[in-house]
Amino acid sequence: MTTFDVEVLLKGTDEVVTETVSHDGHDPAGWTDADVREVLLSTLRVFERVNSGEEAVGTVALRGLSWIVTETSGGVAINIEIPSGAIAAGPFDLLADELTQMITRVIASGSDRQDVH
């Protein structure tokens, strides 16, 4: 199990909301693309909850996101920017290049829709 923080900053506000998320899959060093997909979806679910005040009930497509993996103390973080705000998730004990490649594959193959956003 991996536990990580998701920080949300909504556009037009100056308050960062932080939630802790648990991922029941592999530890980051053993992540597959499926683990990365679930981490991204979990991160977007937190954003939707903060943005709307409710659990996400719609669908999300993992495309149209502006994202980058950055090195932080304790590992790397996923930073996502969308029109209504910004999200940071992590840290993860994983190489930045490896996570970048996995996210690239997940988003490129993500034509199917999942719960959220």
N, C-alpha and C. Protein backbone atom coordinates (compact mmCIF):
# COMPACT_ATOMS: atom_id res chain seq x y z
N MET A 1 0.85 -1.18 0.00
CA MET A 1 0.00 0.00 0.00
C MET A 1 0.89 1.24 0.00
N THR A 2 0.49 2.21 -0.79
CA THR A 2 1.19 3.49 -0.87
C THR A 2 0.27 4.59 -0.37
N THR A 3 0.78 5.42 0.52
CA THR A 3 0.03 6.57 1.01
C THR A 3 0.74 7.83 0.52
N PHE A 4 -0.04 8.77 -0.02
CA PHE A 4 0.54 10.00 -0.53
C PHE A 4 -0.42 11.16 -0.33
N ASP A 5 0.12 12.37 -0.35
CA ASP A 5 -0.69 13.57 -0.21
C ASP A 5 -1.08 14.12 -1.57
N VAL A 6 -2.29 14.66 -1.64
CA VAL A 6 -2.77 15.38 -2.81
C VAL A 6 -3.08 16.80 -2.35
N GLU A 7 -2.43 17.76 -2.97
CA GLU A 7 -2.66 19.17 -2.67
C GLU A 7 -3.42 19.80 -3.83
N VAL A 8 -4.49 20.51 -3.51
CA VAL A 8 -5.35 21.12 -4.52
C VAL A 8 -5.38 22.63 -4.30
N LEU A 9 -5.16 23.37 -5.37
CA LEU A 9 -5.32 24.82 -5.36
C LEU A 9 -6.31 25.16 -6.46
N LEU A 10 -7.49 25.61 -6.06
CA LEU A 10 -8.51 25.99 -7.04
C LEU A 10 -8.20 27.37 -7.62
N LYS A 11 -8.48 27.54 -8.89
CA LYS A 11 -8.26 28.82 -9.55
C LYS A 11 -9.07 29.90 -8.84
N GLY A 12 -8.45 31.05 -8.62
CA GLY A 12 -9.13 32.16 -7.97
C GLY A 12 -9.10 32.10 -6.45
N THR A 13 -8.41 31.11 -5.88
CA THR A 13 -8.29 31.02 -4.42
C THR A 13 -6.81 31.02 -4.05
N ASP A 14 -6.55 31.19 -2.77
CA ASP A 14 -5.17 31.12 -2.31
C ASP A 14 -4.99 30.09 -1.21
N GLU A 15 -5.99 29.25 -1.01
CA GLU A 15 -5.94 28.21 0.02
C GLU A 15 -5.67 26.85 -0.62
N VAL A 16 -4.62 26.19 -0.15
CA VAL A 16 -4.29 24.85 -0.62
C VAL A 16 -4.98 23.85 0.32
N VAL A 17 -5.73 22.93 -0.27
CA VAL A 17 -6.39 21.87 0.49
C VAL A 17 -5.59 20.59 0.30
N THR A 18 -5.25 19.93 1.40
CA THR A 18 -4.45 18.71 1.33
C THR A 18 -5.24 17.53 1.86
N GLU A 19 -5.25 16.44 1.11
CA GLU A 19 -5.87 15.19 1.54
C GLU A 19 -4.84 14.07 1.38
N THR A 20 -4.92 13.08 2.25
CA THR A 20 -4.06 11.92 2.16
C THR A 20 -4.83 10.80 1.46
N VAL A 21 -4.17 10.15 0.51
CA VAL A 21 -4.79 9.11 -0.30
C VAL A 21 -3.98 7.83 -0.14
N SER A 22 -4.67 6.69 -0.12
CA SER A 22 -4.01 5.39 -0.08
C SER A 22 -4.29 4.66 -1.38
N HIS A 23 -3.24 4.04 -1.92
CA HIS A 23 -3.35 3.23 -3.13
C HIS A 23 -3.02 1.80 -2.72
N ASP A 24 -3.95 0.89 -2.95
CA ASP A 24 -3.79 -0.50 -2.51
C ASP A 24 -2.94 -1.36 -3.44
N GLY A 25 -2.41 -0.79 -4.49
CA GLY A 25 -1.59 -1.55 -5.44
C GLY A 25 -0.17 -1.74 -4.94
N HIS A 26 0.72 -1.91 -5.88
CA HIS A 26 2.14 -2.11 -5.59
C HIS A 26 2.75 -0.87 -4.96
N ASP A 27 3.92 -1.04 -4.32
CA ASP A 27 4.73 0.10 -3.92
C ASP A 27 5.25 0.77 -5.18
N PRO A 28 5.57 2.07 -5.14
CA PRO A 28 5.99 2.78 -6.35
C PRO A 28 7.09 2.09 -7.15
N ALA A 29 8.06 1.48 -6.51
CA ALA A 29 9.15 0.83 -7.24
C ALA A 29 8.65 -0.30 -8.13
N GLY A 30 7.49 -0.87 -7.81
CA GLY A 30 6.93 -1.97 -8.60
C GLY A 30 5.70 -1.59 -9.39
N TRP A 31 5.44 -0.28 -9.52
CA TRP A 31 4.24 0.16 -10.21
C TRP A 31 4.18 -0.31 -11.65
N THR A 32 2.98 -0.64 -12.05
CA THR A 32 2.66 -0.91 -13.45
C THR A 32 1.89 0.31 -13.98
N ASP A 33 1.61 0.31 -15.26
CA ASP A 33 0.80 1.39 -15.81
C ASP A 33 -0.58 1.42 -15.15
N ALA A 34 -1.11 0.26 -14.78
CA ALA A 34 -2.42 0.22 -14.11
C ALA A 34 -2.36 0.94 -12.76
N ASP A 35 -1.27 0.78 -12.03
CA ASP A 35 -1.12 1.50 -10.75
C ASP A 35 -1.07 3.00 -10.99
N VAL A 36 -0.32 3.42 -12.00
CA VAL A 36 -0.21 4.84 -12.31
C VAL A 36 -1.57 5.40 -12.71
N ARG A 37 -2.32 4.66 -13.51
CA ARG A 37 -3.67 5.10 -13.90
C ARG A 37 -4.53 5.31 -12.65
N GLU A 38 -4.50 4.38 -11.72
CA GLU A 38 -5.32 4.51 -10.52
C GLU A 38 -4.87 5.67 -9.64
N VAL A 39 -3.56 5.90 -9.55
CA VAL A 39 -3.06 7.05 -8.79
C VAL A 39 -3.54 8.35 -9.43
N LEU A 40 -3.48 8.44 -10.75
CA LEU A 40 -3.97 9.64 -11.43
C LEU A 40 -5.47 9.84 -11.20
N LEU A 41 -6.24 8.77 -11.32
CA LEU A 41 -7.69 8.88 -11.10
C LEU A 41 -8.00 9.25 -9.66
N SER A 42 -7.29 8.66 -8.71
CA SER A 42 -7.48 9.01 -7.29
C SER A 42 -7.17 10.48 -7.05
N THR A 43 -6.12 10.96 -7.68
CA THR A 43 -5.74 12.36 -7.55
C THR A 43 -6.83 13.27 -8.11
N LEU A 44 -7.38 12.92 -9.25
CA LEU A 44 -8.45 13.73 -9.85
C LEU A 44 -9.74 13.64 -9.04
N ARG A 45 -9.98 12.51 -8.38
CA ARG A 45 -11.15 12.39 -7.50
C ARG A 45 -11.06 13.38 -6.34
N VAL A 46 -9.86 13.53 -5.78
CA VAL A 46 -9.66 14.50 -4.70
C VAL A 46 -9.94 15.90 -5.23
N PHE A 47 -9.41 16.22 -6.41
CA PHE A 47 -9.66 17.54 -6.99
C PHE A 47 -11.16 17.78 -7.13
N GLU A 48 -11.88 16.82 -7.65
CA GLU A 48 -13.32 16.99 -7.86
C GLU A 48 -14.05 17.19 -6.53
N ARG A 49 -13.65 16.44 -5.52
CA ARG A 49 -14.27 16.58 -4.20
C ARG A 49 -14.04 17.98 -3.63
N VAL A 50 -12.83 18.49 -3.77
CA VAL A 50 -12.51 19.84 -3.28
C VAL A 50 -13.23 20.89 -4.12
N ASN A 51 -13.26 20.70 -5.43
CA ASN A 51 -13.88 21.67 -6.34
C ASN A 51 -15.39 21.74 -6.17
N SER A 52 -16.04 20.58 -6.06
CA SER A 52 -17.51 20.58 -6.02
C SER A 52 -18.08 20.38 -4.62
N GLY A 53 -17.26 19.91 -3.70
CA GLY A 53 -17.75 19.63 -2.36
C GLY A 53 -18.45 18.28 -2.26
N GLU A 54 -18.43 17.51 -3.34
CA GLU A 54 -19.10 16.20 -3.37
C GLU A 54 -18.18 15.16 -3.99
N GLU A 55 -18.50 13.90 -3.73
CA GLU A 55 -17.77 12.81 -4.39
C GLU A 55 -18.02 12.90 -5.88
N ALA A 56 -17.03 12.55 -6.65
CA ALA A 56 -17.16 12.59 -8.11
C ALA A 56 -18.17 11.55 -8.57
N VAL A 57 -19.07 11.98 -9.44
CA VAL A 57 -20.06 11.05 -9.97
C VAL A 57 -20.03 10.98 -11.49
N GLY A 58 -19.30 11.87 -12.12
CA GLY A 58 -19.21 11.90 -13.58
C GLY A 58 -18.12 10.99 -14.08
N THR A 59 -17.63 11.32 -15.27
CA THR A 59 -16.55 10.54 -15.86
C THR A 59 -15.36 11.43 -16.10
N VAL A 60 -14.21 10.82 -16.26
CA VAL A 60 -12.98 11.55 -16.55
C VAL A 60 -12.23 10.83 -17.65
N ALA A 61 -11.64 11.60 -18.51
CA ALA A 61 -10.75 11.04 -19.51
C ALA A 61 -9.36 11.56 -19.17
N LEU A 62 -8.39 10.69 -19.17
CA LEU A 62 -7.03 11.10 -18.84
C LEU A 62 -6.36 11.69 -20.08
N ARG A 63 -6.89 12.81 -20.52
CA ARG A 63 -6.31 13.54 -21.63
C ARG A 63 -6.63 15.02 -21.43
N GLY A 64 -5.89 15.84 -22.09
CA GLY A 64 -6.10 17.27 -21.94
C GLY A 64 -5.52 17.83 -20.66
N LEU A 65 -4.69 17.05 -19.99
CA LEU A 65 -4.06 17.50 -18.76
C LEU A 65 -2.68 18.07 -19.08
N SER A 66 -2.33 19.13 -18.41
CA SER A 66 -0.97 19.62 -18.46
C SER A 66 -0.30 19.10 -17.20
N TRP A 67 0.74 18.30 -17.36
CA TRP A 67 1.35 17.66 -16.19
C TRP A 67 2.86 17.60 -16.33
N ILE A 68 3.51 17.42 -15.18
CA ILE A 68 4.95 17.26 -15.13
C ILE A 68 5.30 16.49 -13.86
N VAL A 69 6.36 15.71 -13.94
CA VAL A 69 6.88 15.02 -12.76
C VAL A 69 8.09 15.82 -12.29
N THR A 70 8.10 16.18 -11.01
CA THR A 70 9.21 16.97 -10.45
C THR A 70 9.83 16.24 -9.27
N GLU A 71 11.10 16.47 -9.08
CA GLU A 71 11.79 15.90 -7.93
C GLU A 71 11.50 16.75 -6.71
N THR A 72 11.25 16.08 -5.59
CA THR A 72 10.98 16.75 -4.33
C THR A 72 11.75 16.02 -3.23
N SER A 73 11.74 16.57 -2.04
CA SER A 73 12.35 15.83 -0.95
C SER A 73 11.49 14.59 -0.70
N GLY A 74 12.10 13.45 -0.65
CA GLY A 74 11.36 12.22 -0.44
C GLY A 74 10.96 11.50 -1.72
N GLY A 75 11.35 12.01 -2.88
CA GLY A 75 11.01 11.33 -4.13
C GLY A 75 10.61 12.28 -5.23
N VAL A 76 9.53 11.91 -5.93
CA VAL A 76 9.03 12.75 -7.03
C VAL A 76 7.55 13.04 -6.79
N ALA A 77 7.07 14.09 -7.44
CA ALA A 77 5.66 14.47 -7.34
C ALA A 77 5.09 14.61 -8.73
N ILE A 78 3.80 14.35 -8.84
CA ILE A 78 3.05 14.58 -10.08
C ILE A 78 2.34 15.91 -9.91
N ASN A 79 2.59 16.83 -10.83
CA ASN A 79 1.94 18.14 -10.80
C ASN A 79 1.05 18.24 -12.03
N ILE A 80 -0.22 18.57 -11.79
CA ILE A 80 -1.21 18.64 -12.86
C ILE A 80 -1.85 20.02 -12.84
N GLU A 81 -2.00 20.59 -14.03
CA GLU A 81 -2.72 21.85 -14.15
C GLU A 81 -3.88 21.64 -15.11
N ILE A 82 -5.05 22.07 -14.66
CA ILE A 82 -6.25 22.04 -15.49
C ILE A 82 -6.88 23.42 -15.40
N PRO A 83 -7.81 23.75 -16.27
CA PRO A 83 -8.35 25.11 -16.28
C PRO A 83 -8.90 25.59 -14.93
N SER A 84 -9.42 24.70 -14.11
CA SER A 84 -10.02 25.14 -12.85
C SER A 84 -9.10 25.04 -11.64
N GLY A 85 -7.82 24.68 -11.85
CA GLY A 85 -6.91 24.65 -10.71
C GLY A 85 -5.66 23.85 -10.96
N ALA A 86 -4.93 23.62 -9.86
CA ALA A 86 -3.68 22.88 -9.91
C ALA A 86 -3.67 21.81 -8.83
N ILE A 87 -2.97 20.72 -9.11
CA ILE A 87 -2.93 19.58 -8.21
C ILE A 87 -1.49 19.09 -8.12
N ALA A 88 -1.07 18.72 -6.91
CA ALA A 88 0.23 18.08 -6.72
C ALA A 88 -0.01 16.81 -5.92
N ALA A 89 0.60 15.71 -6.34
CA ALA A 89 0.45 14.42 -5.64
C ALA A 89 1.83 13.83 -5.40
N GLY A 90 2.03 13.31 -4.20
CA GLY A 90 3.30 12.66 -3.89
C GLY A 90 3.70 12.91 -2.45
N PRO A 91 4.93 12.68 -2.10
CA PRO A 91 6.01 12.20 -2.95
C PRO A 91 5.95 10.68 -3.13
N PHE A 92 6.57 10.25 -4.23
CA PHE A 92 6.66 8.83 -4.55
C PHE A 92 8.13 8.45 -4.67
N ASP A 93 8.50 7.31 -4.13
CA ASP A 93 9.87 6.83 -4.19
C ASP A 93 10.08 6.12 -5.52
N LEU A 94 10.36 6.91 -6.55
CA LEU A 94 10.46 6.41 -7.91
C LEU A 94 11.32 7.39 -8.71
N LEU A 95 11.99 6.92 -9.72
CA LEU A 95 12.77 7.81 -10.58
C LEU A 95 11.83 8.67 -11.43
N ALA A 96 12.16 9.94 -11.58
CA ALA A 96 11.31 10.87 -12.33
C ALA A 96 11.12 10.41 -13.77
N ASP A 97 12.19 9.95 -14.43
CA ASP A 97 12.08 9.51 -15.81
C ASP A 97 11.15 8.31 -15.95
N GLU A 98 11.23 7.39 -15.00
CA GLU A 98 10.38 6.19 -15.04
C GLU A 98 8.90 6.56 -14.90
N LEU A 99 8.59 7.42 -13.92
CA LEU A 99 7.21 7.84 -13.72
C LEU A 99 6.71 8.65 -14.92
N THR A 100 7.55 9.49 -15.46
CA THR A 100 7.19 10.27 -16.65
C THR A 100 6.80 9.36 -17.80
N GLN A 101 7.59 8.32 -18.03
CA GLN A 101 7.30 7.38 -19.11
C GLN A 101 5.98 6.64 -18.87
N MET A 102 5.73 6.24 -17.62
CA MET A 102 4.48 5.53 -17.33
C MET A 102 3.27 6.44 -17.52
N ILE A 103 3.35 7.68 -17.03
CA ILE A 103 2.23 8.60 -17.20
C ILE A 103 1.99 8.87 -18.69
N THR A 104 3.05 9.04 -19.44
CA THR A 104 2.92 9.26 -20.88
C THR A 104 2.17 8.11 -21.54
N ARG A 105 2.53 6.86 -21.19
CA ARG A 105 1.84 5.70 -21.76
C ARG A 105 0.38 5.65 -21.33
N VAL A 106 0.13 5.90 -20.05
CA VAL A 106 -1.25 5.83 -19.52
C VAL A 106 -2.13 6.86 -20.21
N ILE A 107 -1.65 8.08 -20.34
CA ILE A 107 -2.46 9.12 -20.97
C ILE A 107 -2.63 8.84 -22.46
N ALA A 108 -1.59 8.34 -23.10
CA ALA A 108 -1.69 8.03 -24.54
C ALA A 108 -2.69 6.91 -24.80
N SER A 109 -2.79 5.96 -23.88
CA SER A 109 -3.71 4.85 -24.07
C SER A 109 -5.06 5.10 -23.43
N GLY A 110 -5.25 6.27 -22.84
CA GLY A 110 -6.43 6.56 -22.03
C GLY A 110 -7.63 7.06 -22.77
N SER A 111 -7.98 6.44 -23.90
CA SER A 111 -9.17 6.88 -24.62
C SER A 111 -10.44 6.42 -23.94
N ASP A 112 -10.32 5.41 -23.05
CA ASP A 112 -11.51 4.98 -22.32
C ASP A 112 -11.72 5.90 -21.13
N ARG A 113 -12.94 6.03 -20.70
CA ARG A 113 -13.28 6.94 -19.61
C ARG A 113 -13.39 6.18 -18.30
N GLN A 114 -13.09 6.88 -17.23
CA GLN A 114 -13.17 6.32 -15.88
C GLN A 114 -14.01 7.27 -15.03
N ASP A 115 -14.33 6.83 -13.81
CA ASP A 115 -15.08 7.69 -12.88
C ASP A 115 -14.31 8.96 -12.59
N VAL A 116 -15.03 10.10 -12.51
CA VAL A 116 -14.50 11.36 -12.01
C VAL A 116 -14.47 12.51 -12.99
N HIS A 117 -14.08 13.65 -12.52
CA HIS A 117 -13.71 14.93 -13.09
C HIS A 117 -14.65 15.50 -14.08
